[in-house]
Structure formats: structure tokens, C-alpha cells
Amino acid sequence: NLRFDDTNPEKENIEYIEAIKKDIEWLGYKWNSMHYSSDYFEKIYKYALSLIENNFAYVDSSSPEVIKKERGTLTEPGTNSKDRDRTIEENIKLFNEMKEGNFSDGEYVLRLKINMLSPNINMRDPVIYRIKKFEHHRTGNDWCIYPMYDFTHCISDAIENITHSLCTLEFEDHRPLYDWFIEHLPVPSRPRQIEFARLNTSYTMTSKRKLKQLVDSEAVEGWDDPRMPTLAGLRRLGYPPAAIRHFCEEVGTSRSDSIVDVAMLESAVRNQL
């Protein structure tokens, strides 16, 4: 499957979706079916309701600043929210009112009720729904509450019967939360998350945020500028897709972060040409 996790309507852009599809096809791969997380918004909403009904989630009126402060630090435990002990009935009522658009952005969020003393900050009552009155590129104005990525990710995997969800190492601390969702939700399958190191090459900046600054400031012509370390840039530079596939096979996957000499990529290109 090819799935786009379009959970934040403010940051979704059809331009990126089409570019990703084009890159995958250029690399020589095809997908059987294409999905969007927004396809599952109704199901995800019902799963959230089931968590409230089982007293595993509550509606919180705290500001983002207060929530961040109460979650503690890596060395200090978190503290419970003032709204943590709302009744189940009150939480259901507020959550439905959030869905109906009765509140403004940021006025309420839906949080899990796990453990504010957990050594893993991701398990300290994370937010799973927020209010965003922003038009979505696929669902329009049907929704004004949107699920967070961590909540959506595992549910989408389970719905699509994904067996192994492969992530980069920065998601390792999120795995206990992924497993918690699978354990506490009546999902149709039980996917497993596994992490591996991302592919870094020497002398190459791969941060999407920093590359976007180059595009937005017009320091480069666009995402397909031949100087950009993007698939679109390499394509325009003349790199054969088979060379990139071979390079990735040669590097392999690892559990330890490392930097691969960019000469390996250039060698793979020369051999292919």
C-alpha cells in the first residue's frame, strides 16, 4: 500500500503527494492500492470514543504551555491535569461538542490517561485529538477535530493489516505508545513497529525543514533543483534510478546511526552508467 498520513490540514499539500507518487514510480516501484489516513477519520473517531468509554482518555482544557509543563522533563515526573478526573459522561459530552465545532482552536484537547510518572515522556497522557478549524484537502470542512499522528499511525496500520511498521530510530521511544494503542483498542489486526537507522550520506543535508528553507527563500529553483539531495533533484541531475536502488542495497539497513560516504553513491551511478 501507499498511504499518506494527512492528519494535519494546515500542512497538507497536494503538490507533495503528487511528487512522492512520481518519485516512487521513477524508482521503479508500484503500489497495489493508495490510502489516506483521512479515509479512516470516522473509524479513528469511534476508537477515541471507545477509549473515553473505558476511562482511558479525557478531555483537557489546559493550554499547550500548561500541558507541556505538567508533562515534566527527562529527570522529573509529570503531574496530573486538573481535568484528569472528569466523569466519563462529561468527557463524552465535551468530545462530541468538540466534533460539532462548539469550541475554538486549542480550547480543548483529548488526552490519554496512562501514567504521568512514566520514565517515557511519550506515555505521560499524550494528546490524541486537537481542534483545528481548517479546511482539509480531502475531507473539506467535514471535520474540525483531527487525530494526532501517533494515534492515527497504528490504527491505520491495523486497518490495512500491516504486519511490520518500519520507522527510523527517532520513533523508538514512541513504540511503547504504539503497542499501548494496539493493546487497548479493538483493532482488526496487531501490527508491530520496528525501527532502523536512517540513511545519511557525508556532506549532505537531508533535513526536510532546512531544505524547505532553501526552496521558500528561492535560494534554489525548487525541490527538483539539481543541487538538492532529493529524488527529484537527482532525477534532474541524470542519476539512473537503478543506481539509487543498488546503492541502498549495498548500504543495507542497520540499528546504529552512521554516515555513509557519498562516494559510494557516486560509484553506484558510475557503474550503472
Protein backbone atom coordinates (compact mmCIF):
# COMPACT_ATOMS: atom_id res chain seq x y z
CA ASN A 1 0.00 0.00 0.00
CA LEU A 2 0.91 3.64 -0.42
CA ARG A 3 -0.54 5.69 2.45
CA PHE A 4 -0.37 9.39 3.16
CA ASP A 5 -0.78 10.35 6.81
CA ASP A 6 -2.76 13.54 6.21
CA THR A 7 -3.69 14.30 9.82
CA ASN A 8 -2.73 17.99 9.88
CA PRO A 9 -4.88 20.01 7.44
CA GLU A 10 -2.63 23.07 7.76
CA LYS A 11 0.44 21.25 6.43
CA GLU A 12 -1.09 19.02 3.77
CA ASN A 13 -0.21 19.97 0.21
CA ILE A 14 -1.33 18.15 -2.92
CA GLU A 15 2.00 19.15 -4.52
CA TYR A 16 3.92 16.90 -2.09
CA ILE A 17 1.53 13.99 -2.61
CA GLU A 18 1.93 14.08 -6.39
CA ALA A 19 5.72 14.48 -6.06
CA ILE A 20 6.01 11.44 -3.77
CA LYS A 21 3.94 9.33 -6.17
CA LYS A 22 6.13 10.44 -9.08
CA ASP A 23 9.34 9.64 -7.15
CA ILE A 24 8.16 6.15 -6.21
CA GLU A 25 7.20 5.35 -9.80
CA TRP A 26 10.51 6.72 -11.09
CA LEU A 27 12.41 4.47 -8.67
CA GLY A 28 10.65 1.54 -10.32
CA TYR A 29 8.04 0.62 -7.72
CA LYS A 30 4.26 0.24 -7.92
CA TRP A 31 1.62 0.10 -5.20
CA ASN A 32 -1.43 -2.15 -5.10
CA SER A 33 -3.72 0.42 -3.51
CA MET A 34 -3.42 4.01 -2.28
CA HIS A 35 -4.81 5.18 1.04
CA TYR A 36 -5.00 8.31 3.14
CA SER A 37 -5.33 8.44 6.90
CA SER A 38 -8.29 10.72 6.27
CA ASP A 39 -10.09 7.66 4.83
CA TYR A 40 -10.29 6.39 8.40
CA PHE A 41 -11.30 9.58 10.25
CA GLU A 42 -14.73 8.17 11.18
CA LYS A 43 -13.24 4.90 12.48
CA ILE A 44 -10.49 6.73 14.36
CA TYR A 45 -13.10 8.96 15.99
CA LYS A 46 -15.05 5.89 17.16
CA TYR A 47 -11.87 4.33 18.56
CA ALA A 48 -11.26 7.55 20.50
CA LEU A 49 -14.81 7.33 21.88
CA SER A 50 -14.17 3.75 22.99
CA LEU A 51 -11.11 4.91 24.93
CA ILE A 52 -13.22 7.53 26.73
CA GLU A 53 -15.93 4.97 27.49
CA ASN A 54 -13.32 2.69 29.05
CA ASN A 55 -11.87 5.58 31.09
CA PHE A 56 -8.61 5.58 29.12
CA ALA A 57 -8.99 9.15 27.78
CA TYR A 58 -10.24 12.53 28.97
CA VAL A 59 -10.93 15.99 27.57
CA ASP A 60 -8.48 18.61 28.87
CA SER A 61 -8.96 22.39 28.79
CA SER A 62 -5.33 23.16 29.70
CA SER A 63 -3.28 25.34 27.35
CA PRO A 64 -0.40 23.79 25.35
CA GLU A 65 2.06 25.58 27.62
CA VAL A 66 0.49 24.12 30.78
CA ILE A 67 0.32 20.62 29.26
CA LYS A 68 4.00 20.80 28.31
CA LYS A 69 4.96 21.99 31.80
CA GLU A 70 2.87 19.34 33.57
CA ARG A 71 4.40 16.54 31.50
CA GLY A 72 7.68 17.12 33.34
CA THR A 73 11.18 16.51 31.97
CA LEU A 74 13.52 13.60 31.34
CA THR A 75 14.59 13.77 35.00
CA GLU A 76 11.36 14.99 36.67
CA PRO A 77 7.98 13.18 36.69
CA GLY A 78 4.83 14.75 35.31
CA THR A 79 1.84 15.97 37.30
CA ASN A 80 -1.81 15.17 36.71
CA SER A 81 -4.03 17.65 34.87
CA LYS A 82 -6.85 19.34 36.75
CA ASP A 83 -9.26 17.72 34.24
CA ARG A 84 -7.90 14.19 34.54
CA ASP A 85 -10.73 13.03 36.80
CA ARG A 86 -13.67 14.25 34.72
CA THR A 87 -16.51 11.74 34.57
CA ILE A 88 -16.84 9.51 31.53
CA GLU A 89 -20.20 11.10 30.70
CA GLU A 90 -18.73 14.61 30.82
CA ASN A 91 -15.79 13.59 28.61
CA ILE A 92 -18.12 12.03 26.01
CA LYS A 93 -20.29 15.16 26.00
CA LEU A 94 -17.30 17.51 25.60
CA PHE A 95 -15.68 15.36 22.91
CA ASN A 96 -18.90 15.32 20.88
CA GLU A 97 -19.14 19.10 21.27
CA MET A 98 -15.55 19.38 20.04
CA LYS A 99 -16.58 17.40 16.96
CA GLU A 100 -19.60 19.67 16.42
CA GLY A 101 -17.35 22.74 16.34
CA ASN A 102 -18.64 24.33 19.53
CA PHE A 103 -15.15 25.35 20.69
CA SER A 104 -12.31 27.38 19.23
CA ASP A 105 -8.88 26.05 18.23
CA GLY A 106 -6.83 24.98 21.22
CA GLU A 107 -9.67 25.37 23.71
CA TYR A 108 -9.84 21.62 24.38
CA VAL A 109 -7.81 18.52 23.53
CA LEU A 110 -8.39 14.82 24.07
CA ARG A 111 -5.64 13.13 26.09
CA LEU A 112 -4.92 9.55 27.02
CA LYS A 113 -4.97 8.55 30.66
CA ILE A 114 -1.84 6.42 31.05
CA ASN A 115 0.85 7.32 33.59
CA MET A 116 2.24 10.78 34.37
CA LEU A 117 5.07 9.14 36.35
CA SER A 118 6.33 7.07 33.40
CA PRO A 119 10.05 7.48 32.61
CA ASN A 120 8.98 7.71 28.93
CA ILE A 121 7.54 11.19 28.34
CA ASN A 122 5.51 9.85 25.39
CA MET A 123 3.45 7.82 27.88
CA ARG A 124 2.56 10.82 30.07
CA ASP A 125 -1.04 11.35 28.96
CA PRO A 126 -0.27 12.29 25.33
CA VAL A 127 -2.72 14.38 23.30
CA ILE A 128 -4.54 12.30 20.67
CA TYR A 129 -7.06 14.84 19.27
CA ARG A 130 -6.97 18.59 18.79
CA ILE A 131 -9.33 21.21 17.37
CA LYS A 132 -8.30 22.70 14.02
CA LYS A 133 -10.92 24.67 12.11
CA PHE A 134 -9.05 24.42 8.87
CA GLU A 135 -10.23 23.05 5.53
CA HIS A 136 -8.75 19.63 4.73
CA HIS A 137 -7.62 18.95 1.17
CA ARG A 138 -9.70 15.74 1.03
CA THR A 139 -12.46 15.98 3.63
CA GLY A 140 -13.14 19.70 3.25
CA ASN A 141 -14.91 21.08 6.31
CA ASP A 142 -16.43 17.76 7.42
CA TRP A 143 -14.14 17.69 10.46
CA CYS A 144 -12.87 20.34 12.85
CA ILE A 145 -11.05 17.89 15.14
CA TYR A 146 -8.08 15.90 13.88
CA PRO A 147 -6.21 12.94 15.39
CA MET A 148 -2.51 13.18 16.18
CA TYR A 149 -0.03 11.19 14.10
CA ASP A 150 0.90 8.67 16.84
CA PHE A 151 -2.77 7.75 17.31
CA THR A 152 -3.53 7.58 13.59
CA HIS A 153 -0.39 5.68 12.59
CA CYS A 154 -1.04 2.44 14.49
CA ILE A 155 -4.80 2.41 13.74
CA SER A 156 -4.17 2.87 10.00
CA ASP A 157 -1.60 0.04 10.10
CA ALA A 158 -4.08 -2.24 11.87
CA ILE A 159 -6.94 -1.41 9.48
CA GLU A 160 -4.73 -2.18 6.47
CA ASN A 161 -3.39 -5.40 8.07
CA ILE A 162 0.19 -4.14 8.01
CA THR A 163 2.44 -6.75 9.65
CA HIS A 164 5.56 -4.67 10.33
CA SER A 165 5.63 -0.88 10.54
CA LEU A 166 9.19 0.23 9.76
CA CYS A 167 10.28 3.55 11.27
CA THR A 168 13.54 5.42 11.80
CA LEU A 169 15.28 5.34 15.18
CA GLU A 170 13.76 8.60 16.47
CA PHE A 171 10.44 6.72 16.77
CA GLU A 172 11.90 4.09 19.12
CA ASP A 173 10.62 5.98 22.18
CA HIS A 174 7.16 6.04 20.57
CA ARG A 175 6.96 2.24 20.27
CA PRO A 176 5.53 1.68 23.81
CA LEU A 177 2.71 4.07 22.90
CA TYR A 178 2.15 2.26 19.59
CA ASP A 179 1.91 -1.04 21.48
CA TRP A 180 -0.39 0.53 24.11
CA PHE A 181 -2.88 1.55 21.42
CA ILE A 182 -2.85 -1.90 19.84
CA GLU A 183 -3.39 -3.47 23.27
CA HIS A 184 -6.28 -1.20 24.32
CA LEU A 185 -8.22 -0.81 21.06
CA PRO A 186 -10.44 -3.40 19.31
CA VAL A 187 -8.39 -3.17 16.12
CA PRO A 188 -8.71 -5.87 13.40
CA SER A 189 -5.00 -6.83 13.39
CA ARG A 190 -1.87 -6.45 15.51
CA PRO A 191 0.95 -4.76 13.60
CA ARG A 192 4.43 -4.49 15.08
CA GLN A 193 6.69 -1.42 14.94
CA ILE A 194 10.39 -1.88 14.21
CA GLU A 195 12.98 0.92 13.97
CA PHE A 196 16.13 1.21 11.88
CA ALA A 197 18.74 3.90 11.21
CA ARG A 198 18.04 6.47 8.53
CA LEU A 199 20.35 6.71 5.52
CA ASN A 200 22.75 9.64 5.93
CA THR A 201 25.44 10.46 3.38
CA SER A 202 28.51 12.60 4.02
CA TYR A 203 28.46 16.29 3.09
CA THR A 204 24.70 16.07 2.51
CA MET A 205 21.94 17.96 4.27
CA THR A 206 18.81 15.81 4.42
CA SER A 207 16.66 17.76 6.88
CA LYS A 208 13.33 18.44 5.15
CA ARG A 209 12.84 21.54 7.30
CA LYS A 210 16.19 23.03 6.25
CA LEU A 211 15.74 22.07 2.59
CA LYS A 212 12.32 23.73 2.67
CA GLN A 213 14.02 26.95 3.81
CA LEU A 214 16.16 26.84 0.67
CA VAL A 215 13.06 26.38 -1.50
CA ASP A 216 10.97 29.03 0.29
CA SER A 217 13.79 31.60 0.20
CA GLU A 218 14.31 30.83 -3.53
CA ALA A 219 17.99 30.06 -2.91
CA VAL A 220 17.33 27.11 -5.22
CA GLU A 221 14.93 26.72 -8.15
CA GLY A 222 12.72 24.24 -6.33
CA TRP A 223 12.65 20.75 -4.87
CA ASP A 224 13.97 19.39 -8.17
CA ASP A 225 16.95 21.75 -8.36
CA PRO A 226 19.93 19.54 -9.39
CA ARG A 227 21.82 20.74 -6.29
CA MET A 228 19.09 19.40 -3.97
CA PRO A 229 19.62 15.96 -2.35
CA THR A 230 16.07 14.93 -3.24
CA LEU A 231 14.96 12.16 -5.58
CA ALA A 232 13.53 14.84 -7.88
CA GLY A 233 16.88 16.67 -7.82
CA LEU A 234 18.86 13.50 -8.52
CA ARG A 235 16.48 12.63 -11.35
CA ARG A 236 17.04 16.03 -12.98
CA LEU A 237 20.78 15.66 -12.42
CA GLY A 238 20.72 12.50 -14.53
CA TYR A 239 21.08 9.80 -11.87
CA PRO A 240 19.59 6.48 -13.05
CA PRO A 241 17.01 5.03 -10.63
CA ALA A 242 18.75 1.63 -10.79
CA ALA A 243 21.90 3.25 -9.33
CA ILE A 244 19.97 4.53 -6.30
CA ARG A 245 18.36 1.12 -5.76
CA HIS A 246 21.77 -0.56 -5.97
CA PHE A 247 23.29 1.98 -3.55
CA CYS A 248 20.56 1.29 -0.97
CA GLU A 249 21.08 -2.48 -1.35
CA GLU A 250 24.83 -2.06 -0.83
CA VAL A 251 24.39 0.08 2.30
CA GLY A 252 21.72 -2.21 3.78
CA THR A 253 19.81 -1.46 6.98
CA SER A 254 21.26 -1.00 10.43
CA ARG A 255 20.24 -0.32 14.02
CA SER A 256 23.09 2.15 14.58
CA ASP A 257 23.24 5.71 13.26
CA SER A 258 26.09 6.24 10.84
CA ILE A 259 27.12 8.33 7.85
CA VAL A 260 27.81 6.65 4.50
CA ASP A 261 30.45 8.19 2.26
CA VAL A 262 28.70 9.91 -0.64
CA ALA A 263 31.42 8.41 -2.88
CA MET A 264 29.52 5.10 -2.59
CA LEU A 265 26.52 6.71 -4.25
CA GLU A 266 28.68 8.27 -6.98
CA SER A 267 30.35 4.90 -7.56
CA ALA A 268 26.95 3.20 -7.94
CA VAL A 269 25.98 5.85 -10.51
CA ARG A 270 29.22 5.40 -12.48
CA ASN A 271 28.82 1.62 -12.53
CA GLN A 272 25.25 1.91 -13.77
CA LEU A 273 26.12 4.46 -16.47
